[in-house]
Amino acid sequence: MPDDLFDVGCHWIYPSLSVAQRGLRSSGLAARAVANASEDAVYAAQEHALQPFRQADGSYAVPVTYRCLLARV
């Protein structure tokens, strides 16, 4: 039975754009995007999407929220 449903916020921290793109490219959705467009197009889209999260030191801090369900058997 579900006991609790809650959100947990955190940040994905990447030291550079290239590391952020490598991390984001590890998903199946990114692989499909490359297959349907091109690697260059996906990299360009990721770079554009990451710009608001660029920090002064060149790192990237992307806020994320995980929804958690606590259940007991």
PDB file of N, CA and C in Angstrom:
ATOM      1  N   MET A   1       0.824  -1.183   0.000  1.00  0.00           N
ATOM      2  CA  MET A   1       0.000   0.000   0.000  1.00  0.00           C
ATOM      3  C   MET A   1       0.873   1.254   0.000  1.00  0.00           C
ATOM      4  N   PRO A   2       0.495   2.239  -0.771  1.00  0.00           N
ATOM      5  CA  PRO A   2       1.241   3.505  -0.744  1.00  0.00           C
ATOM      6  C   PRO A   2       1.117   4.173   0.625  1.00  0.00           C
ATOM      7  N   ASP A   3       2.248   4.628   1.129  1.00  0.00           N
ATOM      8  CA  ASP A   3       2.288   5.315   2.413  1.00  0.00           C
ATOM      9  C   ASP A   3       2.397   6.826   2.258  1.00  0.00           C
ATOM     10  N   ASP A   4       3.223   7.234   1.299  1.00  0.00           N
ATOM     11  CA  ASP A   4       3.488   8.666   1.145  1.00  0.00           C
ATOM     12  C   ASP A   4       3.951   8.950  -0.276  1.00  0.00           C
ATOM     13  N   LEU A   5       3.596  10.105  -0.764  1.00  0.00           N
ATOM     14  CA  LEU A   5       4.038  10.592  -2.068  1.00  0.00           C
ATOM     15  C   LEU A   5       4.624  11.973  -1.843  1.00  0.00           C
ATOM     16  N   PHE A   6       5.869  12.171  -2.278  1.00  0.00           N
ATOM     17  CA  PHE A   6       6.514  13.461  -2.028  1.00  0.00           C
ATOM     18  C   PHE A   6       7.536  13.751  -3.125  1.00  0.00           C
ATOM     19  N   ASP A   7       7.898  15.006  -3.232  1.00  0.00           N
ATOM     20  CA  ASP A   7       8.889  15.453  -4.206  1.00  0.00           C
ATOM     21  C   ASP A   7      10.203  15.747  -3.498  1.00  0.00           C
ATOM     22  N   VAL A   8      11.292  15.446  -4.180  1.00  0.00           N
ATOM     23  CA  VAL A   8      12.629  15.755  -3.684  1.00  0.00           C
ATOM     24  C   VAL A   8      13.326  16.583  -4.747  1.00  0.00           C
ATOM     25  N   GLY A   9      13.749  17.764  -4.384  1.00  0.00           N
ATOM     26  CA  GLY A   9      14.449  18.641  -5.316  1.00  0.00           C
ATOM     27  C   GLY A   9      15.952  18.550  -5.130  1.00  0.00           C
ATOM     28  N   CYS A  10      16.666  18.653  -6.214  1.00  0.00           N
ATOM     29  CA  CYS A  10      18.127  18.679  -6.168  1.00  0.00           C
ATOM     30  C   CYS A  10      18.622  19.316  -7.466  1.00  0.00           C
ATOM     31  N   HIS A  11      19.916  19.336  -7.641  1.00  0.00           N
ATOM     32  CA  HIS A  11      20.517  19.867  -8.863  1.00  0.00           C
ATOM     33  C   HIS A  11      21.418  18.820  -9.496  1.00  0.00           C
ATOM     34  N   TRP A  12      21.360  18.743 -10.807  1.00  0.00           N
ATOM     35  CA  TRP A  12      22.376  18.009 -11.552  1.00  0.00           C
ATOM     36  C   TRP A  12      23.494  19.016 -11.774  1.00  0.00           C
ATOM     37  N   ILE A  13      24.677  18.734 -11.273  1.00  0.00           N
ATOM     38  CA  ILE A  13      25.816  19.640 -11.385  1.00  0.00           C
ATOM     39  C   ILE A  13      26.804  19.052 -12.395  1.00  0.00           C
ATOM     40  N   TYR A  14      27.130  19.849 -13.382  1.00  0.00           N
ATOM     41  CA  TYR A  14      28.093  19.445 -14.410  1.00  0.00           C
ATOM     42  C   TYR A  14      29.232  20.462 -14.415  1.00  0.00           C
ATOM     43  N   PRO A  15      30.493  20.029 -14.445  1.00  0.00           N
ATOM     44  CA  PRO A  15      31.607  20.975 -14.406  1.00  0.00           C
ATOM     45  C   PRO A  15      31.811  21.753 -15.705  1.00  0.00           C
ATOM     46  N   SER A  16      31.238  21.263 -16.807  1.00  0.00           N
ATOM     47  CA  SER A  16      31.430  21.935 -18.098  1.00  0.00           C
ATOM     48  C   SER A  16      30.288  21.566 -19.041  1.00  0.00           C
ATOM     49  N   LEU A  17      30.201  22.286 -20.126  1.00  0.00           N
ATOM     50  CA  LEU A  17      29.180  22.006 -21.134  1.00  0.00           C
ATOM     51  C   LEU A  17      29.376  20.619 -21.732  1.00  0.00           C
ATOM     52  N   SER A  18      30.614  20.246 -22.024  1.00  0.00           N
ATOM     53  CA  SER A  18      30.841  18.944 -22.654  1.00  0.00           C
ATOM     54  C   SER A  18      30.428  17.795 -21.725  1.00  0.00           C
ATOM     55  N   VAL A  19      30.672  17.932 -20.435  1.00  0.00           N
ATOM     56  CA  VAL A  19      30.265  16.893 -19.487  1.00  0.00           C
ATOM     57  C   VAL A  19      28.743  16.859 -19.374  1.00  0.00           C
ATOM     58  N   ALA A  20      28.110  18.019 -19.351  1.00  0.00           N
ATOM     59  CA  ALA A  20      26.642  18.079 -19.303  1.00  0.00           C
ATOM     60  C   ALA A  20      26.043  17.401 -20.533  1.00  0.00           C
ATOM     61  N   GLN A  21      26.586  17.695 -21.685  1.00  0.00           N
ATOM     62  CA  GLN A  21      26.062  17.088 -22.911  1.00  0.00           C
ATOM     63  C   GLN A  21      26.292  15.579 -22.927  1.00  0.00           C
ATOM     64  N   ARG A  22      27.414  15.135 -22.437  1.00  0.00           N
ATOM     65  CA  ARG A  22      27.667  13.700 -22.377  1.00  0.00           C
ATOM     66  C   ARG A  22      26.663  13.017 -21.453  1.00  0.00           C
ATOM     67  N   GLY A  23      26.387  13.636 -20.312  1.00  0.00           N
ATOM     68  CA  GLY A  23      25.411  13.077 -19.388  1.00  0.00           C
ATOM     69  C   GLY A  23      24.012  13.039 -19.989  1.00  0.00           C
ATOM     70  N   LEU A  24      23.614  14.125 -20.620  1.00  0.00           N
ATOM     71  CA  LEU A  24      22.286  14.180 -21.225  1.00  0.00           C
ATOM     72  C   LEU A  24      22.170  13.239 -22.417  1.00  0.00           C
ATOM     73  N   ARG A  25      23.269  13.019 -23.115  1.00  0.00           N
ATOM     74  CA  ARG A  25      23.255  12.113 -24.273  1.00  0.00           C
ATOM     75  C   ARG A  25      23.175  10.652 -23.875  1.00  0.00           C
ATOM     76  N   SER A  26      23.306  10.335 -22.595  1.00  0.00           N
ATOM     77  CA  SER A  26      23.290   8.942 -22.161  1.00  0.00           C
ATOM     78  C   SER A  26      21.885   8.350 -22.107  1.00  0.00           C
ATOM     79  N   SER A  27      20.876   9.164 -22.302  1.00  0.00           N
ATOM     80  CA  SER A  27      19.501   8.651 -22.237  1.00  0.00           C
ATOM     81  C   SER A  27      19.055   8.068 -23.577  1.00  0.00           C
ATOM     82  N   GLY A  28      18.105   7.190 -23.510  1.00  0.00           N
ATOM     83  CA  GLY A  28      17.529   6.622 -24.726  1.00  0.00           C
ATOM     84  C   GLY A  28      16.841   7.663 -25.581  1.00  0.00           C
ATOM     85  N   LEU A  29      16.235   8.665 -24.936  1.00  0.00           N
ATOM     86  CA  LEU A  29      15.578   9.740 -25.700  1.00  0.00           C
ATOM     87  C   LEU A  29      16.582  10.528 -26.525  1.00  0.00           C
ATOM     88  N   ALA A  30      17.744  10.779 -25.950  1.00  0.00           N
ATOM     89  CA  ALA A  30      18.773  11.503 -26.696  1.00  0.00           C
ATOM     90  C   ALA A  30      19.275  10.666 -27.871  1.00  0.00           C
ATOM     91  N   ALA A  31      19.440   9.374 -27.662  1.00  0.00           N
ATOM     92  CA  ALA A  31      19.872   8.499 -28.753  1.00  0.00           C
ATOM     93  C   ALA A  31      18.855   8.512 -29.892  1.00  0.00           C
ATOM     94  N   ARG A  32      17.590   8.511 -29.540  1.00  0.00           N
ATOM     95  CA  ARG A  32      16.547   8.563 -30.567  1.00  0.00           C
ATOM     96  C   ARG A  32      16.567   9.919 -31.290  1.00  0.00           C
ATOM     97  N   ALA A  33      16.809  10.996 -30.545  1.00  0.00           N
ATOM     98  CA  ALA A  33      16.888  12.316 -31.170  1.00  0.00           C
ATOM     99  C   ALA A  33      18.026  12.363 -32.183  1.00  0.00           C
ATOM    100  N   VAL A  34      19.183  11.774 -31.827  1.00  0.00           N
ATOM    101  CA  VAL A  34      20.314  11.725 -32.757  1.00  0.00           C
ATOM    102  C   VAL A  34      19.941  10.920 -33.993  1.00  0.00           C
ATOM    103  N   ALA A  35      19.250   9.807 -33.787  1.00  0.00           N
ATOM    104  CA  ALA A  35      18.856   8.960 -34.918  1.00  0.00           C
ATOM    105  C   ALA A  35      17.872   9.676 -35.840  1.00  0.00           C
ATOM    106  N   ASN A  36      17.014  10.520 -35.264  1.00  0.00           N
ATOM    107  CA  ASN A  36      16.000  11.212 -36.064  1.00  0.00           C
ATOM    108  C   ASN A  36      16.455  12.559 -36.611  1.00  0.00           C
ATOM    109  N   ALA A  37      17.496  13.114 -36.044  1.00  0.00           N
ATOM    110  CA  ALA A  37      18.002  14.407 -36.514  1.00  0.00           C
ATOM    111  C   ALA A  37      19.467  14.210 -36.886  1.00  0.00           C
ATOM    112  N   SER A  38      20.345  14.649 -36.015  1.00  0.00           N
ATOM    113  CA  SER A  38      21.783  14.431 -36.183  1.00  0.00           C
ATOM    114  C   SER A  38      22.457  14.733 -34.853  1.00  0.00           C
ATOM    115  N   GLU A  39      23.666  14.231 -34.710  1.00  0.00           N
ATOM    116  CA  GLU A  39      24.416  14.501 -33.480  1.00  0.00           C
ATOM    117  C   GLU A  39      24.636  15.995 -33.314  1.00  0.00           C
ATOM    118  N   ASP A  40      24.988  16.681 -34.405  1.00  0.00           N
ATOM    119  CA  ASP A  40      25.210  18.130 -34.324  1.00  0.00           C
ATOM    120  C   ASP A  40      23.949  18.872 -33.897  1.00  0.00           C
ATOM    121  N   ALA A  41      22.799  18.463 -34.416  1.00  0.00           N
ATOM    122  CA  ALA A  41      21.538  19.128 -34.062  1.00  0.00           C
ATOM    123  C   ALA A  41      21.215  18.928 -32.591  1.00  0.00           C
ATOM    124  N   VAL A  42      21.457  17.724 -32.082  1.00  0.00           N
ATOM    125  CA  VAL A  42      21.183  17.446 -30.666  1.00  0.00           C
ATOM    126  C   VAL A  42      22.141  18.235 -29.781  1.00  0.00           C
ATOM    127  N   TYR A  43      23.414  18.273 -30.118  1.00  0.00           N
ATOM    128  CA  TYR A  43      24.371  19.063 -29.342  1.00  0.00           C
ATOM    129  C   TYR A  43      23.986  20.541 -29.332  1.00  0.00           C
ATOM    130  N   ALA A  44      23.578  21.061 -30.460  1.00  0.00           N
ATOM    131  CA  ALA A  44      23.186  22.476 -30.533  1.00  0.00           C
ATOM    132  C   ALA A  44      21.949  22.744 -29.677  1.00  0.00           C
ATOM    133  N   ALA A  45      20.979  21.841 -29.731  1.00  0.00           N
ATOM    134  CA  ALA A  45      19.760  22.007 -28.923  1.00  0.00           C
ATOM    135  C   ALA A  45      20.086  21.921 -27.435  1.00  0.00           C
ATOM    136  N   GLN A  46      20.958  20.995 -27.058  1.00  0.00           N
ATOM    137  CA  GLN A  46      21.342  20.877 -25.654  1.00  0.00           C
ATOM    138  C   GLN A  46      22.085  22.126 -25.180  1.00  0.00           C
ATOM    139  N   GLU A  47      22.996  22.614 -25.992  1.00  0.00           N
ATOM    140  CA  GLU A  47      23.740  23.814 -25.614  1.00  0.00           C
ATOM    141  C   GLU A  47      22.789  24.987 -25.392  1.00  0.00           C
ATOM    142  N   HIS A  48      21.827  25.146 -26.286  1.00  0.00           N
ATOM    143  CA  HIS A  48      20.844  26.222 -26.150  1.00  0.00           C
ATOM    144  C   HIS A  48      20.007  26.040 -24.875  1.00  0.00           C
ATOM    145  N   ALA A  49      19.548  24.814 -24.618  1.00  0.00           N
ATOM    146  CA  ALA A  49      18.701  24.545 -23.458  1.00  0.00           C
ATOM    147  C   ALA A  49      19.452  24.702 -22.141  1.00  0.00           C
ATOM    148  N   LEU A  50      20.749  24.451 -22.140  1.00  0.00           N
ATOM    149  CA  LEU A  50      21.538  24.534 -20.911  1.00  0.00           C
ATOM    150  C   LEU A  50      21.974  25.950 -20.553  1.00  0.00           C
ATOM    151  N   GLN A  51      21.933  26.869 -21.483  1.00  0.00           N
ATOM    152  CA  GLN A  51      22.449  28.216 -21.229  1.00  0.00           C
ATOM    153  C   GLN A  51      21.875  28.894 -19.979  1.00  0.00           C
ATOM    154  N   PRO A  52      20.563  28.783 -19.701  1.00  0.00           N
ATOM    155  CA  PRO A  52      20.048  29.449 -18.485  1.00  0.00           C
ATOM    156  C   PRO A  52      20.635  28.890 -17.182  1.00  0.00           C
ATOM    157  N   PHE A  53      21.260  27.735 -17.234  1.00  0.00           N
ATOM    158  CA  PHE A  53      21.767  27.084 -16.033  1.00  0.00           C
ATOM    159  C   PHE A  53      23.275  27.215 -15.878  1.00  0.00           C
ATOM    160  N   ARG A  54      23.892  28.008 -16.770  1.00  0.00           N
ATOM    161  CA  ARG A  54      25.349  28.203 -16.721  1.00  0.00           C
ATOM    162  C   ARG A  54      25.700  29.088 -15.531  1.00  0.00           C
ATOM    163  N   GLN A  55      26.698  28.652 -14.774  1.00  0.00           N
ATOM    164  CA  GLN A  55      27.177  29.390 -13.612  1.00  0.00           C
ATOM    165  C   GLN A  55      28.374  30.254 -14.009  1.00  0.00           C
ATOM    166  N   ALA A  56      28.726  31.189 -13.159  1.00  0.00           N
ATOM    167  CA  ALA A  56      29.824  32.114 -13.446  1.00  0.00           C
ATOM    168  C   ALA A  56      31.151  31.386 -13.683  1.00  0.00           C
ATOM    169  N   ASP A  57      31.340  30.237 -13.042  1.00  0.00           N
ATOM    170  CA  ASP A  57      32.600  29.504 -13.201  1.00  0.00           C
ATOM    171  C   ASP A  57      32.604  28.565 -14.404  1.00  0.00           C
ATOM    172  N   GLY A  58      31.536  28.584 -15.222  1.00  0.00           N
ATOM    173  CA  GLY A  58      31.460  27.753 -16.412  1.00  0.00           C
ATOM    174  C   GLY A  58      30.799  26.405 -16.175  1.00  0.00           C
ATOM    175  N   SER A  59      30.433  26.128 -14.931  1.00  0.00           N
ATOM    176  CA  SER A  59      29.723  24.880 -14.642  1.00  0.00           C
ATOM    177  C   SER A  59      28.233  25.077 -14.921  1.00  0.00           C
ATOM    178  N   TYR A  60      27.490  24.003 -14.809  1.00  0.00           N
ATOM    179  CA  TYR A  60      26.043  24.055 -15.045  1.00  0.00           C
ATOM    180  C   TYR A  60      25.341  23.413 -13.855  1.00  0.00           C
ATOM    181  N   ALA A  61      24.303  24.064 -13.341  1.00  0.00           N
ATOM    182  CA  ALA A  61      23.502  23.552 -12.225  1.00  0.00           C
ATOM    183  C   ALA A  61      22.052  23.515 -12.695  1.00  0.00           C
ATOM    184  N   VAL A  62      21.569  22.326 -12.993  1.00  0.00           N
ATOM    185  CA  VAL A  62      20.226  22.146 -13.537  1.00  0.00           C
ATOM    186  C   VAL A  62      19.313  21.650 -12.418  1.00  0.00           C
ATOM    187  N   PRO A  63      18.309  22.446 -12.038  1.00  0.00           N
ATOM    188  CA  PRO A  63      17.408  21.986 -10.980  1.00  0.00           C
ATOM    189  C   PRO A  63      16.493  20.876 -11.490  1.00  0.00           C
ATOM    190  N   VAL A  64      16.335  19.834 -10.691  1.00  0.00           N
ATOM    191  CA  VAL A  64      15.465  18.711 -11.041  1.00  0.00           C
ATOM    192  C   VAL A  64      14.620  18.342  -9.830  1.00  0.00           C
ATOM    193  N   THR A  65      13.489  17.739 -10.096  1.00  0.00           N
ATOM    194  CA  THR A  65      12.601  17.262  -9.035  1.00  0.00           C
ATOM    195  C   THR A  65      12.272  15.806  -9.300  1.00  0.00           C
ATOM    196  N   TYR A  66      12.425  14.997  -8.285  1.00  0.00           N
ATOM    197  CA  TYR A  66      12.063  13.591  -8.357  1.00  0.00           C
ATOM    198  C   TYR A  66      10.785  13.378  -7.545  1.00  0.00           C
ATOM    199  N   ARG A  67       9.847  12.675  -8.092  1.00  0.00           N
ATOM    200  CA  ARG A  67       8.638  12.303  -7.354  1.00  0.00           C
ATOM    201  C   ARG A  67       8.879  10.932  -6.752  1.00  0.00           C
ATOM    202  N   CYS A  68       8.691  10.822  -5.450  1.00  0.00           N
ATOM    203  CA  CYS A  68       8.961   9.585  -4.729  1.00  0.00           C
ATOM    204  C   CYS A  68       7.679   9.030  -4.138  1.00  0.00           C
ATOM    205  N   LEU A  69       7.545   7.727  -4.222  1.00  0.00           N
ATOM    206  CA  LEU A  69       6.415   7.020  -3.633  1.00  0.00           C
ATOM    207  C   LEU A  69       6.971   6.048  -2.604  1.00  0.00           C
ATOM    208  N   LEU A  70       6.558   6.216  -1.374  1.00  0.00           N
ATOM    209  CA  LEU A  70       6.962   5.326  -0.308  1.00  0.00           C
ATOM    210  C   LEU A  70       5.837   4.330  -0.081  1.00  0.00           C
ATOM    211  N   ALA A  71       6.167   3.055  -0.167  1.00  0.00           N
ATOM    212  CA  ALA A  71       5.162   2.018   0.005  1.00  0.00           C
ATOM    213  C   ALA A  71       5.705   0.929   0.923  1.00  0.00           C
ATOM    214  N   ARG A  72       4.839   0.302   1.634  1.00  0.00           N
ATOM    215  CA  ARG A  72       5.201  -0.804   2.508  1.00  0.00           C
ATOM    216  C   ARG A  72       4.420  -2.032   2.115  1.00  0.00           C
ATOM    217  N   VAL A  73       5.050  -3.184   2.289  1.00  0.00           N
ATOM    218  CA  VAL A  73       4.351  -4.450   1.989  1.00  0.00           C
ATOM    219  C   VAL A  73       3.899  -5.131   3.253  1.00  0.00           C
TER     220      VAL A  73
END
